[in-house]
Amino acid sequence: MAHEVGNAEKCLAAGYETVALLASDAKVRRKLQTALEASLMPESLARVRVLDVDGLLAILDEEGAAAAGGEAVVRGYRVKVAYSPVGASETAARRSAVSQVLAKRLKRA
């Protein structure tokens, strides 16, 4: 657990806004959360999430929706950007691909 907590601390020190730690087992997630609570300050702890694969995919979907549109100034021009949502079949394909990669990685660990 100390190694994972150290990795989270390094990511926070590097300036990452959100840090996601993955654990496939609920018991391991609870132990990791307890170790983080013991070693991190509350403001840092709020930026660290301990998740399973489904939780990670949900976070990625949320982040994608938040970044999907907006307004920016490019070379003095105000530009509005709007992205169309991804279809259900492509969302399922992306989730499947991410799940496979994460499952392979978790098996190695």
Protein backbone atom coordinates (compact mmCIF):
# COMPACT_ATOMS: atom_id res chain seq x y z
CA MET A 1 0.00 0.00 0.00
CA ALA A 2 2.86 2.38 0.75
CA HIS A 3 4.04 2.19 -2.85
CA GLU A 4 0.60 3.18 -4.20
CA VAL A 5 0.30 6.01 -1.68
CA GLY A 6 3.75 7.23 -2.74
CA ASN A 7 2.69 7.16 -6.39
CA ALA A 8 -0.42 9.20 -5.57
CA GLU A 9 1.72 11.74 -3.67
CA LYS A 10 4.10 12.03 -6.64
CA CYS A 11 1.20 12.65 -9.02
CA LEU A 12 -0.24 15.32 -6.74
CA ALA A 13 3.18 16.97 -6.38
CA ALA A 14 3.53 16.97 -10.18
CA GLY A 15 0.35 19.05 -10.37
CA TYR A 16 -2.23 16.56 -11.59
CA GLU A 17 -5.75 17.76 -10.88
CA THR A 18 -7.19 14.29 -10.24
CA VAL A 19 -5.40 11.04 -9.45
CA ALA A 20 -7.14 7.69 -10.03
CA LEU A 21 -5.87 4.55 -8.34
CA LEU A 22 -7.26 1.27 -9.68
CA ALA A 23 -7.90 -1.86 -7.67
CA SER A 24 -10.03 -4.76 -8.85
CA ASP A 25 -10.89 -6.07 -5.38
CA ALA A 26 -13.20 -4.16 -3.01
CA LYS A 27 -11.13 -5.20 0.01
CA VAL A 28 -7.96 -3.78 -1.56
CA ARG A 29 -9.81 -0.56 -2.45
CA ARG A 30 -10.88 -0.13 1.19
CA LYS A 31 -7.34 -0.74 2.48
CA LEU A 32 -5.92 1.69 -0.07
CA GLN A 33 -8.48 4.35 0.85
CA THR A 34 -7.62 3.90 4.54
CA ALA A 35 -3.88 4.23 3.81
CA LEU A 36 -4.50 7.39 1.77
CA GLU A 37 -6.62 8.92 4.54
CA ALA A 38 -3.82 8.28 7.03
CA SER A 39 -1.08 9.87 4.94
CA LEU A 40 -2.64 12.67 2.87
CA MET A 41 -4.00 16.05 3.87
CA PRO A 42 -7.79 16.44 3.35
CA GLU A 43 -7.38 18.86 0.41
CA SER A 44 -5.07 16.39 -1.32
CA LEU A 45 -7.28 13.43 -0.46
CA ALA A 46 -10.21 15.10 -2.22
CA ARG A 47 -8.22 14.93 -5.48
CA VAL A 48 -7.47 11.18 -5.23
CA ARG A 49 -10.01 8.54 -6.20
CA VAL A 50 -9.75 4.81 -5.57
CA LEU A 51 -11.75 3.04 -8.26
CA ASP A 52 -12.47 -0.20 -10.03
CA VAL A 53 -12.54 -0.44 -13.83
CA ASP A 54 -16.21 0.55 -14.10
CA GLY A 55 -15.61 3.55 -11.85
CA LEU A 56 -12.71 4.66 -14.03
CA LEU A 57 -14.83 4.41 -17.17
CA ALA A 58 -17.55 6.49 -15.50
CA ILE A 59 -14.98 9.17 -14.56
CA LEU A 60 -13.64 9.23 -18.11
CA ASP A 61 -17.17 9.66 -19.46
CA GLU A 62 -17.79 12.56 -17.05
CA GLU A 63 -14.53 14.26 -18.00
CA GLY A 64 -15.28 13.81 -21.69
CA ALA A 65 -18.72 15.37 -21.32
CA ALA A 66 -17.32 18.32 -19.38
CA ALA A 67 -14.68 19.00 -22.03
CA ALA A 68 -17.04 18.41 -24.95
CA GLY A 69 -17.88 22.01 -25.59
CA GLY A 70 -16.93 25.47 -24.74
CA GLU A 71 -15.72 28.81 -25.94
CA ALA A 72 -12.16 30.00 -26.48
CA VAL A 73 -10.29 32.92 -27.97
CA VAL A 74 -8.03 31.93 -30.85
CA ARG A 75 -5.89 34.66 -32.45
CA GLY A 76 -8.32 37.29 -31.27
CA TYR A 77 -11.45 35.51 -32.47
CA ARG A 78 -14.03 34.08 -30.13
CA VAL A 79 -14.59 30.45 -31.14
CA LYS A 80 -17.43 28.26 -29.94
CA VAL A 81 -16.82 24.53 -30.04
CA ALA A 82 -19.54 21.92 -29.84
CA TYR A 83 -18.91 18.21 -30.17
CA SER A 84 -21.58 15.72 -31.08
CA PRO A 85 -21.98 12.85 -28.62
CA VAL A 86 -20.49 9.49 -29.51
CA GLY A 87 -22.94 6.81 -30.55
CA ALA A 88 -23.88 3.95 -28.26
CA SER A 89 -22.06 1.34 -30.35
CA GLU A 90 -18.81 3.32 -30.33
CA THR A 91 -19.13 3.97 -26.60
CA ALA A 92 -19.51 0.23 -26.02
CA ALA A 93 -16.50 -0.50 -28.24
CA ARG A 94 -14.37 2.04 -26.38
CA ARG A 95 -15.42 0.66 -22.99
CA SER A 96 -14.60 -2.85 -24.14
CA ALA A 97 -11.15 -1.82 -25.38
CA VAL A 98 -10.32 0.01 -22.15
CA SER A 99 -11.62 -2.88 -20.05
CA GLN A 100 -9.45 -5.36 -21.95
CA VAL A 101 -6.31 -3.27 -21.52
CA LEU A 102 -6.97 -2.76 -17.81
CA ALA A 103 -7.81 -6.43 -17.26
CA LYS A 104 -4.52 -7.48 -18.87
CA ARG A 105 -2.61 -5.02 -16.72
CA LEU A 106 -4.33 -6.10 -13.51
CA LYS A 107 -3.57 -9.77 -14.27
CA ARG A 108 0.15 -8.94 -14.55
CA ALA A 109 0.20 -7.11 -11.21
